[in-house]
């Protein structure tokens, strides 16, 4: 899976305005809704929050991948935010996050959802790439970094 096939430059917030986990998720859900990628903002937000309540999606190393499944998404969609001030996300390593990657998919499309999670996890293992993302100051910078990384 190539992330730039599902990540649109208009669905990147750099910097994120949110100062906490719930606001960060809401900001990214709103971004997807504003780009006509979700039919129901509230349903998508509730699906992601419900998933978050089962266990934090803060995977450690400054990264969170909140995600949810709901009928508001016709296909897998993605939004990404870079927080200039790290956000408390109840991560498994108890450290705040700077990179927030939101995925929303229909309930019946598990394959693409899992492929995207795996692809994001692999990309984030590259410390240099992760560091460059954390320093990105515009959506264009973030998109260019992801696009370049995926063509290596």
Protein backbone atom coordinates (compact mmCIF):
# COMPACT_ATOMS: atom_id res chain seq x y z
CA UNK A 1 0.00 0.00 0.00
CA UNK A 2 1.17 3.50 -0.88
CA UNK A 3 0.00 6.02 1.71
CA UNK A 4 -0.07 8.93 -0.74
CA UNK A 5 -2.87 7.06 -2.55
CA UNK A 6 -5.08 7.66 0.50
CA UNK A 7 -3.49 10.77 2.04
CA UNK A 8 -4.44 14.01 0.33
CA UNK A 9 -2.36 17.16 0.95
CA UNK A 10 -5.57 18.92 2.03
CA UNK A 11 -5.97 16.35 4.84
CA UNK A 12 -2.75 17.32 6.57
CA UNK A 13 -2.66 19.75 9.50
CA UNK A 14 0.80 21.13 10.17
CA UNK A 15 0.78 22.47 12.72
CA UNK A 16 -2.13 20.89 14.56
CA UNK A 17 -3.97 23.47 16.63
CA UNK A 18 -5.19 20.92 19.20
CA UNK A 19 -3.60 20.73 22.63
CA UNK A 20 -5.14 17.42 23.76
CA UNK A 21 -6.00 13.98 22.40
CA UNK A 22 -9.72 14.47 21.86
CA UNK A 23 -9.27 17.85 20.15
CA UNK A 24 -6.56 16.40 17.89
CA UNK A 25 -8.86 13.59 16.81
CA UNK A 26 -11.71 16.05 16.26
CA UNK A 27 -9.48 18.39 14.23
CA UNK A 28 -8.42 15.55 11.92
CA UNK A 29 -11.97 14.17 11.59
CA UNK A 30 -13.11 17.70 10.67
CA UNK A 31 -10.36 17.85 8.07
CA UNK A 32 -11.66 14.66 6.44
CA UNK A 33 -15.25 15.93 6.60
CA UNK A 34 -14.28 19.31 5.11
CA UNK A 35 -12.72 17.43 2.19
CA UNK A 36 -15.94 15.44 1.62
CA UNK A 37 -14.31 12.15 2.62
CA UNK A 38 -16.78 11.39 5.43
CA UNK A 39 -20.56 11.58 5.23
CA UNK A 40 -21.09 12.03 8.99
CA UNK A 41 -18.52 13.85 11.11
CA UNK A 42 -20.14 12.88 14.42
CA UNK A 43 -20.34 9.18 13.58
CA UNK A 44 -16.68 9.08 12.54
CA UNK A 45 -15.55 10.99 15.64
CA UNK A 46 -17.53 8.66 17.93
CA UNK A 47 -16.09 5.56 16.20
CA UNK A 48 -12.52 6.78 16.72
CA UNK A 49 -13.15 7.83 20.32
CA UNK A 50 -14.83 4.48 21.08
CA UNK A 51 -11.77 2.66 19.72
CA UNK A 52 -9.50 4.96 21.72
CA UNK A 53 -11.36 4.10 24.93
CA UNK A 54 -10.58 0.40 24.54
CA UNK A 55 -6.84 1.14 24.41
CA UNK A 56 -4.80 4.18 23.49
CA UNK A 57 -3.53 4.32 19.94
CA UNK A 58 -0.44 6.19 21.13
CA UNK A 59 2.05 3.57 19.94
CA UNK A 60 5.08 5.22 21.52
CA UNK A 61 8.03 7.18 20.15
CA UNK A 62 5.89 10.29 19.73
CA UNK A 63 3.38 8.66 17.35
CA UNK A 64 -0.37 8.06 17.62
CA UNK A 65 -2.53 6.31 15.04
CA UNK A 66 -6.13 6.84 16.13
CA UNK A 67 -8.50 4.87 13.95
CA UNK A 68 -12.06 3.70 13.70
CA UNK A 69 -14.54 1.94 11.48
CA UNK A 70 -17.91 3.37 10.58
CA UNK A 71 -20.36 3.74 7.71
CA UNK A 72 -19.49 7.45 7.38
CA UNK A 73 -16.46 6.35 5.32
CA UNK A 74 -17.07 4.85 1.88
CA UNK A 75 -13.41 3.76 1.68
CA UNK A 76 -10.29 3.99 3.80
CA UNK A 77 -9.41 7.65 4.43
CA UNK A 78 -6.49 9.24 6.21
CA UNK A 79 -5.59 12.55 7.81
CA UNK A 80 -2.32 13.52 9.44
CA UNK A 81 -1.34 16.16 11.95
CA UNK A 82 1.97 17.40 13.28
CA UNK A 83 1.81 18.99 16.73
CA UNK A 84 4.37 21.72 17.34
CA UNK A 85 3.87 21.15 21.08
CA UNK A 86 3.60 17.42 21.85
CA UNK A 87 0.15 16.22 22.99
CA UNK A 88 -0.55 13.89 25.91
CA UNK A 89 -2.06 10.77 24.30
CA UNK A 90 -1.82 8.13 27.05
CA UNK A 91 0.79 6.40 24.91
CA UNK A 92 2.20 3.00 25.81
CA UNK A 93 5.56 4.63 26.61
CA UNK A 94 3.86 7.41 28.64
CA UNK A 95 5.37 10.07 26.35
CA UNK A 96 3.42 12.76 24.47
CA UNK A 97 3.01 12.57 20.68
CA UNK A 98 3.92 14.95 17.87
CA UNK A 99 2.71 12.85 14.93
CA UNK A 100 -0.99 11.96 14.79
CA UNK A 101 -2.22 9.82 11.89
CA UNK A 102 -5.98 9.25 11.69
CA UNK A 103 -7.51 6.39 9.73
CA UNK A 104 -11.24 5.86 9.19
CA UNK A 105 -12.61 2.98 7.17
CA UNK A 106 -15.92 1.24 6.46
CA UNK A 107 -16.74 -1.64 8.82
CA UNK A 108 -16.46 -4.21 6.02
CA UNK A 109 -12.98 -3.21 4.76
CA UNK A 110 -10.51 -4.70 7.22
CA UNK A 111 -7.72 -5.49 4.71
CA UNK A 112 -6.84 -1.95 3.57
CA UNK A 113 -7.15 -0.70 7.17
CA UNK A 114 -4.62 -3.24 8.45
CA UNK A 115 -2.31 -2.66 5.45
CA UNK A 116 -2.29 1.08 6.15
CA UNK A 117 -1.53 0.54 9.85
CA UNK A 118 1.34 -1.77 8.93
CA UNK A 119 2.71 0.65 6.33
CA UNK A 120 2.61 3.58 8.75
CA UNK A 121 4.34 1.52 11.43
CA UNK A 122 7.12 0.52 9.01
CA UNK A 123 7.69 4.11 7.85
CA UNK A 124 7.84 5.37 11.43
CA UNK A 125 10.64 2.95 12.29
CA UNK A 126 12.94 5.25 10.30
CA UNK A 127 14.14 7.71 12.96
CA UNK A 128 15.48 10.22 10.44
CA UNK A 129 12.16 10.29 8.56
CA UNK A 130 10.20 10.59 11.83
CA UNK A 131 12.44 13.45 12.95
CA UNK A 132 11.92 15.28 9.64
CA UNK A 133 8.15 14.87 9.98
CA UNK A 134 8.19 16.27 13.51
CA UNK A 135 9.97 19.38 12.21
CA UNK A 136 7.63 19.91 9.22
CA UNK A 137 5.84 23.24 9.38
CA UNK A 138 3.38 22.97 6.49
CA UNK A 139 1.06 20.38 4.94
CA UNK A 140 3.15 20.56 1.76
CA UNK A 141 6.32 19.67 3.68
CA UNK A 142 4.62 16.68 5.30
CA UNK A 143 3.18 15.41 2.01
CA UNK A 144 6.51 15.83 0.22
CA UNK A 145 8.34 13.93 2.98
CA UNK A 146 5.85 11.04 2.87
CA UNK A 147 5.84 10.97 -0.93
CA UNK A 148 9.64 10.99 -1.14
CA UNK A 149 9.97 8.30 1.52
CA UNK A 150 7.55 6.03 -0.29
CA UNK A 151 9.43 6.24 -3.58
CA UNK A 152 12.78 5.24 -2.04
